[in-house]
N, C-alpha and C. Protein backbone atom coordinates (compact mmCIF):
# COMPACT_ATOMS: atom_id res chain seq x y z
N UNK A 1 -24.14 -34.46 -40.58
CA UNK A 1 -22.59 -34.31 -40.40
C UNK A 1 -21.76 -32.74 -40.23
N UNK A 2 -22.47 -32.31 -41.39
CA UNK A 2 -21.83 -30.56 -41.51
C UNK A 2 -22.42 -30.08 -39.96
N UNK A 3 -23.00 -30.08 -39.53
CA UNK A 3 -23.48 -29.15 -38.37
C UNK A 3 -22.85 -29.86 -37.17
N UNK A 4 -22.42 -30.90 -37.24
CA UNK A 4 -20.92 -31.09 -36.63
C UNK A 4 -20.00 -30.90 -36.63
N UNK A 5 -19.39 -30.57 -37.73
CA UNK A 5 -18.09 -29.72 -37.72
C UNK A 5 -18.32 -28.69 -37.43
N UNK A 6 -19.40 -27.93 -37.83
CA UNK A 6 -19.45 -26.18 -37.91
C UNK A 6 -19.63 -25.98 -36.09
N UNK A 7 -20.11 -27.15 -35.69
CA UNK A 7 -19.76 -26.80 -33.84
C UNK A 7 -18.50 -26.97 -33.66
N UNK A 8 -17.66 -28.22 -34.12
CA UNK A 8 -16.57 -28.34 -33.41
C UNK A 8 -15.62 -27.51 -34.11
N UNK A 9 -15.38 -26.74 -35.23
CA UNK A 9 -15.17 -25.77 -35.39
C UNK A 9 -15.41 -23.97 -34.58
N UNK A 10 -16.37 -24.06 -34.74
CA UNK A 10 -16.97 -22.97 -33.46
C UNK A 10 -16.23 -22.92 -32.18
N UNK A 11 -16.05 -24.38 -31.72
CA UNK A 11 -16.00 -24.52 -30.15
C UNK A 11 -14.31 -24.13 -30.43
N UNK A 12 -13.89 -24.72 -31.14
CA UNK A 12 -12.23 -24.43 -31.35
C UNK A 12 -11.95 -23.35 -31.37
N UNK A 13 -12.82 -22.55 -32.15
CA UNK A 13 -12.29 -20.95 -32.40
C UNK A 13 -12.77 -19.99 -31.05
N UNK A 14 -13.62 -20.48 -30.35
CA UNK A 14 -13.89 -19.91 -29.25
C UNK A 14 -12.83 -20.06 -28.20
N UNK A 15 -12.19 -21.68 -28.08
CA UNK A 15 -10.82 -21.98 -27.49
C UNK A 15 -9.71 -20.89 -27.59
N UNK A 16 -9.19 -20.57 -28.74
CA UNK A 16 -8.10 -20.16 -29.22
C UNK A 16 -8.75 -18.63 -28.85
N UNK A 17 -9.81 -18.39 -29.01
CA UNK A 17 -10.02 -16.54 -29.06
C UNK A 17 -10.04 -16.21 -27.28
N UNK A 18 -10.38 -17.40 -26.49
CA UNK A 18 -10.00 -17.28 -25.14
C UNK A 18 -8.56 -17.59 -24.62
N UNK A 19 -7.75 -18.46 -25.07
CA UNK A 19 -6.19 -18.55 -25.08
C UNK A 19 -5.46 -17.12 -24.98
N UNK A 20 -6.13 -16.44 -26.29
CA UNK A 20 -5.31 -15.20 -26.72
C UNK A 20 -5.83 -13.94 -25.14
N UNK A 21 -7.27 -14.18 -25.27
CA UNK A 21 -7.44 -13.10 -24.46
C UNK A 21 -7.04 -13.09 -22.95
N UNK A 22 -6.83 -14.33 -22.82
CA UNK A 22 -5.93 -15.32 -21.57
C UNK A 22 -4.39 -14.17 -21.39
N UNK A 23 -3.92 -15.03 -22.48
CA UNK A 23 -2.69 -13.77 -23.08
C UNK A 23 -2.48 -12.57 -22.74
N UNK A 24 -3.64 -11.99 -23.27
CA UNK A 24 -3.28 -10.14 -23.03
C UNK A 24 -3.56 -10.19 -22.10
N UNK A 25 -4.48 -10.78 -21.29
CA UNK A 25 -4.31 -10.03 -19.99
C UNK A 25 -3.20 -10.08 -19.23
N UNK A 26 -2.47 -11.52 -19.11
CA UNK A 26 -1.31 -11.43 -19.02
C UNK A 26 -0.43 -10.81 -18.69
N UNK A 27 -0.34 -10.44 -20.24
CA UNK A 27 0.63 -9.48 -20.60
C UNK A 27 0.21 -7.96 -20.04
N UNK A 28 -0.93 -7.30 -20.07
CA UNK A 28 -1.33 -6.55 -19.41
C UNK A 28 -1.28 -6.13 -18.29
N UNK A 29 -1.03 -7.69 -17.46
CA UNK A 29 -0.99 -7.27 -15.97
C UNK A 29 0.46 -7.36 -15.87
N UNK A 30 1.75 -8.09 -16.56
CA UNK A 30 3.03 -7.96 -16.14
C UNK A 30 3.28 -6.20 -16.81
N UNK A 31 2.69 -5.72 -17.86
CA UNK A 31 3.33 -4.06 -18.36
C UNK A 31 2.46 -3.44 -17.13
N UNK A 32 1.43 -3.55 -16.35
CA UNK A 32 0.89 -2.93 -15.28
C UNK A 32 2.23 -3.01 -13.86
N UNK A 33 2.95 -4.09 -13.86
CA UNK A 33 3.79 -4.15 -12.77
C UNK A 33 2.97 -4.87 -12.00
N UNK A 34 2.15 -6.21 -11.91
CA UNK A 34 1.55 -6.83 -11.30
C UNK A 34 2.19 -8.36 -12.01
N UNK A 35 1.89 -9.80 -10.99
CA UNK A 35 2.08 -11.24 -11.15
C UNK A 35 0.55 -11.61 -11.25
N UNK A 36 0.82 -12.49 -12.21
CA UNK A 36 -0.44 -13.10 -12.30
C UNK A 36 -0.31 -14.48 -11.36
N UNK A 37 -1.68 -14.89 -10.10
CA UNK A 37 -1.69 -15.55 -9.62
C UNK A 37 -0.72 -15.56 -8.25
N UNK A 38 0.10 -14.49 -7.77
CA UNK A 38 1.24 -14.47 -6.58
C UNK A 38 0.45 -14.99 -5.45
N UNK A 39 0.95 -14.86 -4.49
CA UNK A 39 0.45 -15.39 -3.02
C UNK A 39 -0.25 -14.18 -2.22
N UNK A 40 -0.18 -13.04 -2.43
CA UNK A 40 -0.49 -12.45 -1.89
C UNK A 40 -2.12 -12.10 -2.22
N UNK A 41 -2.52 -12.92 -3.33
CA UNK A 41 -4.26 -13.36 -3.64
C UNK A 41 -4.86 -12.00 -4.39
N UNK A 42 -3.87 -11.31 -4.96
CA UNK A 42 -4.59 -9.57 -5.40
C UNK A 42 -4.48 -8.92 -4.82
N UNK A 43 -3.92 -8.92 -3.38
CA UNK A 43 -4.28 -7.96 -2.22
C UNK A 43 -3.22 -6.75 -2.82
N UNK A 44 -3.82 -5.22 -2.59
CA UNK A 44 -2.98 -4.32 -2.70
C UNK A 44 -1.60 -3.73 -1.91
N UNK A 45 -0.68 -3.58 -1.86
CA UNK A 45 -0.15 -3.53 -1.43
C UNK A 45 0.53 -2.02 -0.58
N UNK A 46 0.67 -1.99 0.56
CA UNK A 46 0.92 -0.80 1.39
C UNK A 46 2.12 -0.71 1.79
N UNK A 47 2.26 -0.30 3.00
CA UNK A 47 3.59 0.32 3.97
C UNK A 47 3.27 -0.80 4.90
N UNK A 48 3.59 -1.39 5.67
CA UNK A 48 3.70 -2.77 6.35
C UNK A 48 3.31 -2.08 7.68
N UNK A 49 2.53 -2.37 8.18
CA UNK A 49 2.24 -1.38 9.44
C UNK A 49 2.99 -1.82 10.52
N UNK A 50 3.09 -0.66 11.69
CA UNK A 50 4.05 -0.98 12.37
C UNK A 50 5.60 -0.06 11.87
N UNK A 51 5.60 -0.10 10.69
CA UNK A 51 6.53 -0.01 9.97
C UNK A 51 6.99 1.56 10.44
N UNK A 52 8.72 2.36 9.90
CA UNK A 52 8.37 3.77 10.11
C UNK A 52 8.04 4.62 9.03
N UNK A 53 8.38 4.00 7.85
CA UNK A 53 7.07 4.94 7.35
C UNK A 53 5.65 4.84 7.00
N UNK A 54 5.12 3.50 7.70
CA UNK A 54 4.10 3.65 8.37
C UNK A 54 3.80 4.84 9.35
N UNK A 55 4.18 4.64 10.07
CA UNK A 55 4.32 5.42 11.07
C UNK A 55 4.41 6.94 10.72
N UNK A 56 5.08 7.61 10.10
CA UNK A 56 5.47 8.75 9.44
C UNK A 56 4.32 9.36 8.85
N UNK A 57 3.35 8.39 7.80
CA UNK A 57 2.15 8.55 7.17
C UNK A 57 1.38 8.70 7.38
N UNK A 58 1.21 8.25 9.17
CA UNK A 58 -0.04 8.23 9.94
C UNK A 58 -0.21 9.33 10.55
N UNK A 59 1.41 9.57 10.70
CA UNK A 59 1.67 10.86 12.06
C UNK A 59 1.13 12.23 11.05
N UNK A 60 1.90 12.38 9.74
CA UNK A 60 1.62 13.15 8.18
C UNK A 60 0.16 13.46 8.22
N UNK A 61 -1.06 12.47 8.25
CA UNK A 61 -1.89 12.44 8.04
C UNK A 61 -2.44 13.48 8.97
N UNK A 62 -2.65 13.34 9.98
CA UNK A 62 -2.70 13.85 11.73
C UNK A 62 -2.46 15.60 11.47
N UNK A 63 -0.92 15.99 10.64
CA UNK A 63 -0.55 17.28 10.52
C UNK A 63 -1.30 17.83 9.58
N UNK A 64 -2.01 17.43 8.49
CA UNK A 64 -2.47 18.19 7.30
C UNK A 64 -1.36 18.43 7.01
N UNK A 65 -0.09 19.11 6.68
CA UNK A 65 0.50 20.31 6.82
C UNK A 65 1.91 19.55 6.71
N UNK A 66 2.76 20.33 5.66
CA UNK A 66 4.42 19.96 5.93
C UNK A 66 5.05 20.22 6.92
N UNK A 67 5.41 18.75 7.47
CA UNK A 67 6.02 18.70 8.86
C UNK A 67 7.81 19.03 8.43
N UNK A 68 8.47 19.50 9.54
CA UNK A 68 9.87 19.54 9.35
C UNK A 68 10.52 17.92 9.98
N UNK A 69 11.44 17.95 9.15
CA UNK A 69 12.02 16.19 9.79
C UNK A 69 12.44 15.71 10.96
N UNK A 70 12.69 17.27 11.97
CA UNK A 70 13.07 17.49 13.27
C UNK A 70 11.40 17.01 13.92
N UNK A 71 10.62 17.93 13.74
CA UNK A 71 9.57 17.55 14.14
C UNK A 71 8.63 16.31 14.30
N UNK A 72 8.68 15.80 12.87
CA UNK A 72 8.49 14.08 12.69
C UNK A 72 9.20 13.81 13.52
N UNK A 73 10.22 13.75 13.58
CA UNK A 73 11.27 12.65 14.41
C UNK A 73 10.63 12.74 16.26
N UNK A 74 10.61 14.06 16.50
CA UNK A 74 10.19 14.03 18.00
C UNK A 74 8.88 13.49 18.15
N UNK A 75 7.98 13.70 17.22
CA UNK A 75 6.49 13.20 17.22
C UNK A 75 6.19 11.53 17.35
N UNK A 76 7.20 11.06 16.26
CA UNK A 76 7.35 9.33 16.09
C UNK A 76 8.19 8.60 17.62
N UNK A 77 8.89 10.13 17.87
CA UNK A 77 9.84 9.23 19.72
C UNK A 77 9.09 8.93 20.42
N UNK A 78 7.66 8.81 19.97
CA UNK A 78 6.88 9.15 21.83
C UNK A 78 6.47 7.11 21.37
N UNK A 79 6.42 7.20 20.24
CA UNK A 79 6.56 5.70 20.10
C UNK A 79 7.29 4.57 19.94
N UNK A 80 8.16 5.36 19.19
CA UNK A 80 10.02 3.84 19.06
C UNK A 80 11.36 5.04 19.75
N UNK A 81 11.16 4.76 21.02
CA UNK A 81 12.07 5.48 21.35
C UNK A 81 13.82 6.07 20.66
N UNK A 82 14.44 4.80 19.95
CA UNK A 82 15.45 4.67 19.56
C UNK A 82 15.39 5.60 18.22
N UNK A 83 14.54 5.82 17.53
CA UNK A 83 14.14 6.55 16.57
C UNK A 83 15.22 7.52 16.96
N UNK A 84 15.85 8.16 15.35
CA UNK A 84 16.59 9.30 15.57
C UNK A 84 16.51 9.93 13.66
N UNK A 85 16.41 11.64 13.68
CA UNK A 85 16.54 11.76 12.92
C UNK A 85 17.20 10.99 11.21
N UNK A 86 18.42 10.60 11.28
CA UNK A 86 18.99 9.61 10.57
C UNK A 86 18.25 8.60 10.22
N UNK A 87 17.75 7.84 10.76
CA UNK A 87 16.82 6.57 10.50
C UNK A 87 15.59 6.83 9.86
N UNK A 88 15.12 7.82 10.41
CA UNK A 88 13.46 8.41 9.74
C UNK A 88 13.85 8.83 8.46
N UNK A 89 15.10 9.45 8.27
CA UNK A 89 15.73 9.74 7.01
C UNK A 89 15.52 8.87 5.75
N UNK A 90 16.22 7.76 6.12
CA UNK A 90 16.46 6.85 5.35
C UNK A 90 15.16 5.68 5.01
N UNK A 91 14.85 5.89 6.29
CA UNK A 91 13.40 4.79 5.91
C UNK A 91 12.31 5.41 4.96
N UNK A 92 12.56 7.38 4.65
CA UNK A 92 11.31 7.87 4.16
C UNK A 92 11.99 8.13 2.74
N UNK A 93 13.26 7.88 2.53
CA UNK A 93 14.10 8.51 1.13
C UNK A 93 13.78 7.57 -0.01
N UNK A 94 13.59 6.52 0.51
CA UNK A 94 13.49 5.61 -0.62
C UNK A 94 12.31 5.73 -1.38
N UNK A 95 11.26 6.22 -0.86
CA UNK A 95 9.76 6.30 -1.24
C UNK A 95 9.52 8.11 -1.59
N UNK A 96 10.37 8.51 -1.08
CA UNK A 96 10.62 10.22 -2.16
C UNK A 96 11.00 9.82 -3.16
N UNK A 97 11.99 9.30 -3.38
CA UNK A 97 12.63 9.01 -4.68
C UNK A 97 11.91 8.35 -5.71
N UNK A 98 11.01 7.68 -5.09
CA UNK A 98 10.00 6.35 -6.43
C UNK A 98 8.96 7.25 -6.24
N UNK A 99 8.93 8.60 -5.62
CA UNK A 99 7.48 9.39 -5.82
C UNK A 99 6.15 8.47 -5.07
N UNK A 100 6.49 8.14 -4.13
CA UNK A 100 5.48 6.91 -3.20
C UNK A 100 5.46 7.20 -2.18
N UNK A 101 4.19 7.92 -1.57
CA UNK A 101 3.57 8.30 -0.35
C UNK A 101 3.70 9.58 0.13
N UNK A 102 5.49 9.71 0.00
CA UNK A 102 6.11 11.15 0.77
C UNK A 102 6.42 11.81 -0.65
N UNK A 103 6.94 13.10 -0.23
CA UNK A 103 7.40 13.71 -1.15
C UNK A 103 7.97 15.07 0.07
N UNK A 104 9.33 15.61 -0.26
CA UNK A 104 10.23 16.65 0.16
C UNK A 104 9.68 18.03 -0.46
N UNK A 105 9.45 18.86 0.36
CA UNK A 105 9.30 20.60 -0.90
C UNK A 105 10.48 20.85 -0.47
N UNK A 106 10.51 22.04 -1.44
CA UNK A 106 11.88 23.00 -1.50
C UNK A 106 12.60 22.98 0.19
N UNK A 107 11.40 23.66 0.67
CA UNK A 107 11.36 23.95 2.47
C UNK A 107 12.24 22.96 3.16
N UNK A 108 12.21 21.48 2.51
CA UNK A 108 13.11 20.35 3.35
C UNK A 108 11.96 19.80 4.09
N UNK A 109 10.34 19.96 3.74
CA UNK A 109 9.55 19.74 4.86
C UNK A 109 9.06 18.47 4.09
N UNK A 110 8.47 17.52 5.06
CA UNK A 110 7.48 16.00 4.47
C UNK A 110 6.77 16.36 4.20
N UNK A 111 5.50 16.02 3.40
CA UNK A 111 4.03 15.30 3.41
C UNK A 111 3.64 14.18 2.82
N UNK A 112 2.30 14.49 2.21
CA UNK A 112 1.91 13.09 1.95
C UNK A 112 1.96 13.59 0.27
N UNK A 113 1.93 12.49 -0.46
CA UNK A 113 1.81 12.82 -1.93
C UNK A 113 0.06 12.75 -1.79
């Protein structure tokens, strides 16, 4: 009987430790800005394919040097004729402010982060 009680007590300790570990993992994921069990299946987020920022990102990868807004707009107009410098600037400004994907140098030229 003593062995059965000991095994039961140890199993209870293991369950408590697993629950504590699960809660700490959830808390760590929340601190890192991730949610547990989302619809995305843990897939990394990025720029939506075909969006203005995604097109700008691929263009800047090809340039490999900082580019002015006008030059970038001219390049992107080949794929999106309705695009103008204002739309491009607005589309990229969010990412520049948040420090994601794009940076604007002191000379006003865009480059990848």
